[in-house]
Amino acid sequence: MNSQSPFFQYLGLALLAFVVSSLLVPLMIRLANKFGVMDKPATWKIHTAPKPLLGGLAIFISYSICFAVILAYFIPPDSAY
């Protein structure tokens, strides 16, 4: 367990999530374009060009990495969680 202020721990986790998602979103956009995972325009939709659909996956991966960091560093292994 870390003895730093909880503010700096939360700030570090927020920065980690921001950096990981900022790196993954452009990668997921390229993968969506390459494999055709796109939302195609239709008459009831506002967009006129296909939009990539894997941005949410990048956010989920970022969340999962931060959650793993929380489990590894902030929750003692002998706790009842």
PDB file of N, CA and C in Angstrom:
ATOM      1  N   MET A   1       0.845  -1.170   0.000  1.00  0.00           N
ATOM      2  CA  MET A   1       0.000   0.000   0.000  1.00  0.00           C
ATOM      3  C   MET A   1       0.889   1.230   0.000  1.00  0.00           C
ATOM      4  N   ASN A   2       0.475   2.229  -0.733  1.00  0.00           N
ATOM      5  CA  ASN A   2       1.238   3.451  -0.899  1.00  0.00           C
ATOM      6  C   ASN A   2       0.865   4.453   0.190  1.00  0.00           C
ATOM      7  N   SER A   3       1.840   5.226   0.672  1.00  0.00           N
ATOM      8  CA  SER A   3       1.580   6.183   1.749  1.00  0.00           C
ATOM      9  C   SER A   3       1.344   7.596   1.217  1.00  0.00           C
ATOM     10  N   GLN A   4       1.222   7.770  -0.105  1.00  0.00           N
ATOM     11  CA  GLN A   4       0.961   9.092  -0.659  1.00  0.00           C
ATOM     12  C   GLN A   4      -0.466   9.522  -0.367  1.00  0.00           C
ATOM     13  N   SER A   5      -0.693  10.816  -0.559  1.00  0.00           N
ATOM     14  CA  SER A   5      -2.036  11.361  -0.407  1.00  0.00           C
ATOM     15  C   SER A   5      -2.978  10.709  -1.425  1.00  0.00           C
ATOM     16  N   PRO A   6      -4.208  10.401  -1.016  1.00  0.00           N
ATOM     17  CA  PRO A   6      -5.154   9.796  -1.964  1.00  0.00           C
ATOM     18  C   PRO A   6      -5.406  10.673  -3.193  1.00  0.00           C
ATOM     19  N   PHE A   7      -5.311  11.993  -3.025  1.00  0.00           N
ATOM     20  CA  PHE A   7      -5.502  12.891  -4.167  1.00  0.00           C
ATOM     21  C   PHE A   7      -4.519  12.575  -5.283  1.00  0.00           C
ATOM     22  N   PHE A   8      -3.236  12.402  -4.925  1.00  0.00           N
ATOM     23  CA  PHE A   8      -2.219  12.141  -5.940  1.00  0.00           C
ATOM     24  C   PHE A   8      -2.358  10.739  -6.523  1.00  0.00           C
ATOM     25  N   GLN A   9      -2.846   9.802  -5.732  1.00  0.00           N
ATOM     26  CA  GLN A   9      -3.102   8.467  -6.262  1.00  0.00           C
ATOM     27  C   GLN A   9      -4.215   8.516  -7.300  1.00  0.00           C
ATOM     28  N   TYR A  10      -5.303   9.207  -6.988  1.00  0.00           N
ATOM     29  CA  TYR A  10      -6.412   9.326  -7.934  1.00  0.00           C
ATOM     30  C   TYR A  10      -6.002  10.127  -9.170  1.00  0.00           C
ATOM     31  N   LEU A  11      -5.211  11.163  -8.958  1.00  0.00           N
ATOM     32  CA  LEU A  11      -4.724  11.952 -10.083  1.00  0.00           C
ATOM     33  C   LEU A  11      -3.848  11.104 -11.004  1.00  0.00           C
ATOM     34  N   GLY A  12      -3.006  10.281 -10.415  1.00  0.00           N
ATOM     35  CA  GLY A  12      -2.162   9.388 -11.213  1.00  0.00           C
ATOM     36  C   GLY A  12      -2.980   8.386 -12.011  1.00  0.00           C
ATOM     37  N   LEU A  13      -4.023   7.843 -11.385  1.00  0.00           N
ATOM     38  CA  LEU A  13      -4.888   6.910 -12.104  1.00  0.00           C
ATOM     39  C   LEU A  13      -5.637   7.610 -13.233  1.00  0.00           C
ATOM     40  N   ALA A  14      -6.103   8.835 -12.978  1.00  0.00           N
ATOM     41  CA  ALA A  14      -6.798   9.584 -14.020  1.00  0.00           C
ATOM     42  C   ALA A  14      -5.860   9.890 -15.188  1.00  0.00           C
ATOM     43  N   LEU A  15      -4.633  10.256 -14.888  1.00  0.00           N
ATOM     44  CA  LEU A  15      -3.660  10.515 -15.945  1.00  0.00           C
ATOM     45  C   LEU A  15      -3.324   9.244 -16.714  1.00  0.00           C
ATOM     46  N   LEU A  16      -3.208   8.125 -16.012  1.00  0.00           N
ATOM     47  CA  LEU A  16      -2.967   6.847 -16.678  1.00  0.00           C
ATOM     48  C   LEU A  16      -4.109   6.516 -17.633  1.00  0.00           C
ATOM     49  N   ALA A  17      -5.340   6.677 -17.179  1.00  0.00           N
ATOM     50  CA  ALA A  17      -6.499   6.400 -18.024  1.00  0.00           C
ATOM     51  C   ALA A  17      -6.510   7.324 -19.239  1.00  0.00           C
ATOM     52  N   PHE A  18      -6.204   8.596 -19.032  1.00  0.00           N
ATOM     53  CA  PHE A  18      -6.186   9.550 -20.136  1.00  0.00           C
ATOM     54  C   PHE A  18      -5.125   9.181 -21.170  1.00  0.00           C
ATOM     55  N   VAL A  19      -3.920   8.871 -20.703  1.00  0.00           N
ATOM     56  CA  VAL A  19      -2.828   8.560 -21.627  1.00  0.00           C
ATOM     57  C   VAL A  19      -3.112   7.274 -22.395  1.00  0.00           C
ATOM     58  N   VAL A  20      -3.557   6.243 -21.686  1.00  0.00           N
ATOM     59  CA  VAL A  20      -3.825   4.964 -22.357  1.00  0.00           C
ATOM     60  C   VAL A  20      -4.951   5.123 -23.376  1.00  0.00           C
ATOM     61  N   SER A  21      -6.022   5.787 -23.010  1.00  0.00           N
ATOM     62  CA  SER A  21      -7.123   5.949 -23.963  1.00  0.00           C
ATOM     63  C   SER A  21      -6.719   6.863 -25.119  1.00  0.00           C
ATOM     64  N   SER A  22      -5.899   7.870 -24.855  1.00  0.00           N
ATOM     65  CA  SER A  22      -5.428   8.749 -25.931  1.00  0.00           C
ATOM     66  C   SER A  22      -4.544   8.004 -26.925  1.00  0.00           C
ATOM     67  N   LEU A  23      -3.819   7.018 -26.456  1.00  0.00           N
ATOM     68  CA  LEU A  23      -2.987   6.211 -27.349  1.00  0.00           C
ATOM     69  C   LEU A  23      -3.798   5.144 -28.081  1.00  0.00           C
ATOM     70  N   LEU A  24      -4.806   4.609 -27.421  1.00  0.00           N
ATOM     71  CA  LEU A  24      -5.565   3.516 -28.016  1.00  0.00           C
ATOM     72  C   LEU A  24      -6.636   3.960 -29.006  1.00  0.00           C
ATOM     73  N   VAL A  25      -7.232   5.120 -28.808  1.00  0.00           N
ATOM     74  CA  VAL A  25      -8.329   5.542 -29.695  1.00  0.00           C
ATOM     75  C   VAL A  25      -7.857   5.669 -31.149  1.00  0.00           C
ATOM     76  N   PRO A  26      -6.739   6.346 -31.451  1.00  0.00           N
ATOM     77  CA  PRO A  26      -6.302   6.386 -32.855  1.00  0.00           C
ATOM     78  C   PRO A  26      -5.983   4.991 -33.417  1.00  0.00           C
ATOM     79  N   LEU A  27      -5.429   4.122 -32.592  1.00  0.00           N
ATOM     80  CA  LEU A  27      -5.151   2.754 -33.028  1.00  0.00           C
ATOM     81  C   LEU A  27      -6.450   2.027 -33.370  1.00  0.00           C
ATOM     82  N   MET A  28      -7.455   2.182 -32.527  1.00  0.00           N
ATOM     83  CA  MET A  28      -8.740   1.525 -32.776  1.00  0.00           C
ATOM     84  C   MET A  28      -9.429   2.096 -34.014  1.00  0.00           C
ATOM     85  N   ILE A  29      -9.251   3.384 -34.261  1.00  0.00           N
ATOM     86  CA  ILE A  29      -9.822   3.981 -35.476  1.00  0.00           C
ATOM     87  C   ILE A  29      -9.184   3.348 -36.711  1.00  0.00           C
ATOM     88  N   ARG A  30      -7.864   3.188 -36.690  1.00  0.00           N
ATOM     89  CA  ARG A  30      -7.190   2.539 -37.824  1.00  0.00           C
ATOM     90  C   ARG A  30      -7.634   1.097 -37.992  1.00  0.00           C
ATOM     91  N   LEU A  31      -7.767   0.376 -36.865  1.00  0.00           N
ATOM     92  CA  LEU A  31      -8.225  -1.014 -36.955  1.00  0.00           C
ATOM     93  C   LEU A  31      -9.655  -1.100 -37.478  1.00  0.00           C
ATOM     94  N   ALA A  32     -10.513  -0.185 -37.053  1.00  0.00           N
ATOM     95  CA  ALA A  32     -11.900  -0.179 -37.526  1.00  0.00           C
ATOM     96  C   ALA A  32     -11.949   0.094 -39.027  1.00  0.00           C
ATOM     97  N   ASN A  33     -11.125   1.018 -39.501  1.00  0.00           N
ATOM     98  CA  ASN A  33     -11.072   1.287 -40.937  1.00  0.00           C
ATOM     99  C   ASN A  33     -10.540   0.083 -41.709  1.00  0.00           C
ATOM    100  N   LYS A  34      -9.524  -0.563 -41.167  1.00  0.00           N
ATOM    101  CA  LYS A  34      -8.901  -1.710 -41.853  1.00  0.00           C
ATOM    102  C   LYS A  34      -9.862  -2.892 -41.958  1.00  0.00           C
ATOM    103  N   PHE A  35     -10.599  -3.178 -40.874  1.00  0.00           N
ATOM    104  CA  PHE A  35     -11.468  -4.356 -40.855  1.00  0.00           C
ATOM    105  C   PHE A  35     -12.930  -4.034 -41.155  1.00  0.00           C
ATOM    106  N   GLY A  36     -13.239  -2.788 -41.442  1.00  0.00           N
ATOM    107  CA  GLY A  36     -14.591  -2.418 -41.826  1.00  0.00           C
ATOM    108  C   GLY A  36     -15.602  -2.399 -40.696  1.00  0.00           C
ATOM    109  N   VAL A  37     -15.141  -2.168 -39.481  1.00  0.00           N
ATOM    110  CA  VAL A  37     -16.046  -2.080 -38.333  1.00  0.00           C
ATOM    111  C   VAL A  37     -16.524  -0.625 -38.253  1.00  0.00           C
ATOM    112  N   MET A  38     -17.484  -0.298 -39.112  1.00  0.00           N
ATOM    113  CA  MET A  38     -17.922   1.075 -39.272  1.00  0.00           C
ATOM    114  C   MET A  38     -19.440   1.167 -39.159  1.00  0.00           C
ATOM    115  N   ASP A  39     -19.892   2.328 -38.689  1.00  0.00           N
ATOM    116  CA  ASP A  39     -21.315   2.633 -38.691  1.00  0.00           C
ATOM    117  C   ASP A  39     -21.602   3.371 -39.987  1.00  0.00           C
ATOM    118  N   LYS A  40     -22.365   2.751 -40.847  1.00  0.00           N
ATOM    119  CA  LYS A  40     -22.623   3.319 -42.166  1.00  0.00           C
ATOM    120  C   LYS A  40     -23.800   4.292 -42.110  1.00  0.00           C
ATOM    121  N   PRO A  41     -23.745   5.356 -42.907  1.00  0.00           N
ATOM    122  CA  PRO A  41     -24.837   6.336 -42.914  1.00  0.00           C
ATOM    123  C   PRO A  41     -26.144   5.709 -43.398  1.00  0.00           C
ATOM    124  N   ALA A  42     -27.223   6.221 -42.878  1.00  0.00           N
ATOM    125  CA  ALA A  42     -28.562   5.808 -43.300  1.00  0.00           C
ATOM    126  C   ALA A  42     -29.455   7.039 -43.256  1.00  0.00           C
ATOM    127  N   THR A  43     -30.669   6.883 -43.705  1.00  0.00           N
ATOM    128  CA  THR A  43     -31.562   8.045 -43.783  1.00  0.00           C
ATOM    129  C   THR A  43     -31.899   8.624 -42.420  1.00  0.00           C
ATOM    130  N   TRP A  44     -31.943   7.821 -41.378  1.00  0.00           N
ATOM    131  CA  TRP A  44     -32.311   8.309 -40.049  1.00  0.00           C
ATOM    132  C   TRP A  44     -31.103   8.757 -39.216  1.00  0.00           C
ATOM    133  N   LYS A  45     -29.904   8.653 -39.769  1.00  0.00           N
ATOM    134  CA  LYS A  45     -28.691   9.037 -39.039  1.00  0.00           C
ATOM    135  C   LYS A  45     -28.209  10.412 -39.492  1.00  0.00           C
ATOM    136  N   ILE A  46     -27.516  11.090 -38.609  1.00  0.00           N
ATOM    137  CA  ILE A  46     -27.046  12.441 -38.902  1.00  0.00           C
ATOM    138  C   ILE A  46     -25.788  12.418 -39.760  1.00  0.00           C
ATOM    139  N   HIS A  47     -24.873  11.487 -39.509  1.00  0.00           N
ATOM    140  CA  HIS A  47     -23.592  11.514 -40.217  1.00  0.00           C
ATOM    141  C   HIS A  47     -23.748  11.088 -41.673  1.00  0.00           C
ATOM    142  N   THR A  48     -22.863  11.642 -42.522  1.00  0.00           N
ATOM    143  CA  THR A  48     -22.923  11.348 -43.950  1.00  0.00           C
ATOM    144  C   THR A  48     -21.762  10.477 -44.410  1.00  0.00           C
ATOM    145  N   ALA A  49     -20.797  10.229 -43.541  1.00  0.00           N
ATOM    146  CA  ALA A  49     -19.661   9.369 -43.866  1.00  0.00           C
ATOM    147  C   ALA A  49     -19.603   8.245 -42.833  1.00  0.00           C
ATOM    148  N   PRO A  50     -19.036   7.103 -43.197  1.00  0.00           N
ATOM    149  CA  PRO A  50     -18.907   6.009 -42.221  1.00  0.00           C
ATOM    150  C   PRO A  50     -18.056   6.427 -41.016  1.00  0.00           C
ATOM    151  N   LYS A  51     -18.465   5.986 -39.839  1.00  0.00           N
ATOM    152  CA  LYS A  51     -17.758   6.316 -38.594  1.00  0.00           C
ATOM    153  C   LYS A  51     -17.263   5.030 -37.942  1.00  0.00           C
ATOM    154  N   PRO A  52     -16.012   5.012 -37.467  1.00  0.00           N
ATOM    155  CA  PRO A  52     -15.479   3.816 -36.796  1.00  0.00           C
ATOM    156  C   PRO A  52     -16.202   3.545 -35.482  1.00  0.00           C
ATOM    157  N   LEU A  53     -16.335   2.253 -35.147  1.00  0.00           N
ATOM    158  CA  LEU A  53     -17.100   1.854 -33.975  1.00  0.00           C
ATOM    159  C   LEU A  53     -16.252   1.302 -32.823  1.00  0.00           C
ATOM    160  N   LEU A  54     -14.945   1.327 -32.901  1.00  0.00           N
ATOM    161  CA  LEU A  54     -14.126   0.695 -31.869  1.00  0.00           C
ATOM    162  C   LEU A  54     -13.595   1.660 -30.812  1.00  0.00           C
ATOM    163  N   GLY A  55     -14.051   2.901 -30.794  1.00  0.00           N
ATOM    164  CA  GLY A  55     -13.599   3.855 -29.775  1.00  0.00           C
ATOM    165  C   GLY A  55     -13.985   3.420 -28.371  1.00  0.00           C
ATOM    166  N   GLY A  56     -15.160   2.846 -28.229  1.00  0.00           N
ATOM    167  CA  GLY A  56     -15.599   2.357 -26.922  1.00  0.00           C
ATOM    168  C   GLY A  56     -14.725   1.235 -26.396  1.00  0.00           C
ATOM    169  N   LEU A  57     -14.215   0.411 -27.299  1.00  0.00           N
ATOM    170  CA  LEU A  57     -13.310  -0.669 -26.884  1.00  0.00           C
ATOM    171  C   LEU A  57     -12.021  -0.089 -26.312  1.00  0.00           C
ATOM    172  N   ALA A  58     -11.525   0.980 -26.902  1.00  0.00           N
ATOM    173  CA  ALA A  58     -10.322   1.637 -26.378  1.00  0.00           C
ATOM    174  C   ALA A  58     -10.561   2.172 -24.971  1.00  0.00           C
ATOM    175  N   ILE A  59     -11.716   2.768 -24.738  1.00  0.00           N
ATOM    176  CA  ILE A  59     -12.051   3.288 -23.412  1.00  0.00           C
ATOM    177  C   ILE A  59     -12.179   2.135 -22.417  1.00  0.00           C
ATOM    178  N   PHE A  60     -12.791   1.032 -22.834  1.00  0.00           N
ATOM    179  CA  PHE A  60     -12.932  -0.127 -21.961  1.00  0.00           C
ATOM    180  C   PHE A  60     -11.570  -0.715 -21.591  1.00  0.00           C
ATOM    181  N   ILE A  61     -10.664  -0.820 -22.551  1.00  0.00           N
ATOM    182  CA  ILE A  61      -9.320  -1.337 -22.270  1.00  0.00           C
ATOM    183  C   ILE A  61      -8.600  -0.415 -21.295  1.00  0.00           C
ATOM    184  N   SER A  62      -8.731   0.889 -21.481  1.00  0.00           N
ATOM    185  CA  SER A  62      -8.114   1.856 -20.572  1.00  0.00           C
ATOM    186  C   SER A  62      -8.669   1.696 -19.159  1.00  0.00           C
ATOM    187  N   TYR A  63      -9.993   1.555 -19.055  1.00  0.00           N
ATOM    188  CA  TYR A  63     -10.628   1.336 -17.752  1.00  0.00           C
ATOM    189  C   TYR A  63     -10.110   0.045 -17.117  1.00  0.00           C
ATOM    190  N   SER A  64     -10.006  -1.018 -17.886  1.00  0.00           N
ATOM    191  CA  SER A  64      -9.552  -2.308 -17.364  1.00  0.00           C
ATOM    192  C   SER A  64      -8.121  -2.230 -16.854  1.00  0.00           C
ATOM    193  N   ILE A  65      -7.273  -1.509 -17.563  1.00  0.00           N
ATOM    194  CA  ILE A  65      -5.882  -1.355 -17.116  1.00  0.00           C
ATOM    195  C   ILE A  65      -5.836  -0.595 -15.792  1.00  0.00           C
ATOM    196  N   CYS A  66      -6.609   0.472 -15.679  1.00  0.00           N
ATOM    197  CA  CYS A  66      -6.643   1.241 -14.420  1.00  0.00           C
ATOM    198  C   CYS A  66      -7.214   0.408 -13.284  1.00  0.00           C
ATOM    199  N   PHE A  67      -8.226  -0.390 -13.560  1.00  0.00           N
ATOM    200  CA  PHE A  67      -8.803  -1.256 -12.538  1.00  0.00           C
ATOM    201  C   PHE A  67      -7.778  -2.291 -12.075  1.00  0.00           C
ATOM    202  N   ALA A  68      -7.003  -2.839 -13.012  1.00  0.00           N
ATOM    203  CA  ALA A  68      -5.955  -3.794 -12.647  1.00  0.00           C
ATOM    204  C   ALA A  68      -4.886  -3.132 -11.781  1.00  0.00           C
ATOM    205  N   VAL A  69      -4.554  -1.881 -12.078  1.00  0.00           N
ATOM    206  CA  VAL A  69      -3.579  -1.148 -11.258  1.00  0.00           C
ATOM    207  C   VAL A  69      -4.130  -0.950  -9.851  1.00  0.00           C
ATOM    208  N   ILE A  70      -5.402  -0.608  -9.757  1.00  0.00           N
ATOM    209  CA  ILE A  70      -6.027  -0.439  -8.436  1.00  0.00           C
ATOM    210  C   ILE A  70      -5.958  -1.751  -7.656  1.00  0.00           C
ATOM    211  N   LEU A  71      -6.307  -2.853  -8.312  1.00  0.00           N
ATOM    212  CA  LEU A  71      -6.271  -4.150  -7.625  1.00  0.00           C
ATOM    213  C   LEU A  71      -4.858  -4.528  -7.211  1.00  0.00           C
ATOM    214  N   ALA A  72      -3.890  -4.225  -8.053  1.00  0.00           N
ATOM    215  CA  ALA A  72      -2.519  -4.641  -7.779  1.00  0.00           C
ATOM    216  C   ALA A  72      -1.828  -3.793  -6.713  1.00  0.00           C
ATOM    217  N   TYR A  73      -2.113  -2.494  -6.687  1.00  0.00           N
ATOM    218  CA  TYR A  73      -1.326  -1.613  -5.832  1.00  0.00           C
ATOM    219  C   TYR A  73      -2.072  -0.991  -4.657  1.00  0.00           C
ATOM    220  N   PHE A  74      -3.399  -0.917  -4.727  1.00  0.00           N
ATOM    221  CA  PHE A  74      -4.110  -0.186  -3.698  1.00  0.00           C
ATOM    222  C   PHE A  74      -4.965  -1.057  -2.788  1.00  0.00           C
ATOM    223  N   ILE A  75      -5.195  -2.294  -3.152  1.00  0.00           N
ATOM    224  CA  ILE A  75      -5.982  -3.178  -2.303  1.00  0.00           C
ATOM    225  C   ILE A  75      -5.040  -4.249  -1.748  1.00  0.00           C
ATOM    226  N   PRO A  76      -4.916  -4.336  -0.446  1.00  0.00           N
ATOM    227  CA  PRO A  76      -4.019  -5.329   0.132  1.00  0.00           C
ATOM    228  C   PRO A  76      -4.452  -6.755  -0.246  1.00  0.00           C
ATOM    229  N   PRO A  77      -3.516  -7.651  -0.497  1.00  0.00           N
ATOM    230  CA  PRO A  77      -3.870  -9.004  -0.910  1.00  0.00           C
ATOM    231  C   PRO A  77      -4.631  -9.798   0.153  1.00  0.00           C
ATOM    232  N   ASP A  78      -4.492  -9.433   1.403  1.00  0.00           N
ATOM    233  CA  ASP A  78      -5.177 -10.199   2.448  1.00  0.00           C
ATOM    234  C   ASP A  78      -6.543  -9.604   2.823  1.00  0.00           C
ATOM    235  N   SER A  79      -7.008  -8.602   2.071  1.00  0.00           N
ATOM    236  CA  SER A  79      -8.319  -8.015   2.384  1.00  0.00           C
ATOM    237  C   SER A  79      -9.436  -8.936   1.912  1.00  0.00           C
ATOM    238  N   ALA A  80     -10.622  -8.681   2.395  1.00  0.00           N
ATOM    239  CA  ALA A  80     -11.765  -9.571   2.126  1.00  0.00           C
ATOM    240  C   ALA A  80     -12.517  -9.183   0.866  1.00  0.00           C
ATOM    241  N   TYR A  81     -11.943  -8.394  -0.029  1.00  0.00           N
ATOM    242  CA  TYR A  81     -12.636  -7.974  -1.240  1.00  0.00           C
ATOM    243  C   TYR A  81     -12.669  -9.096  -2.208  1.00  0.00           C
TER     244      TYR A  81
END
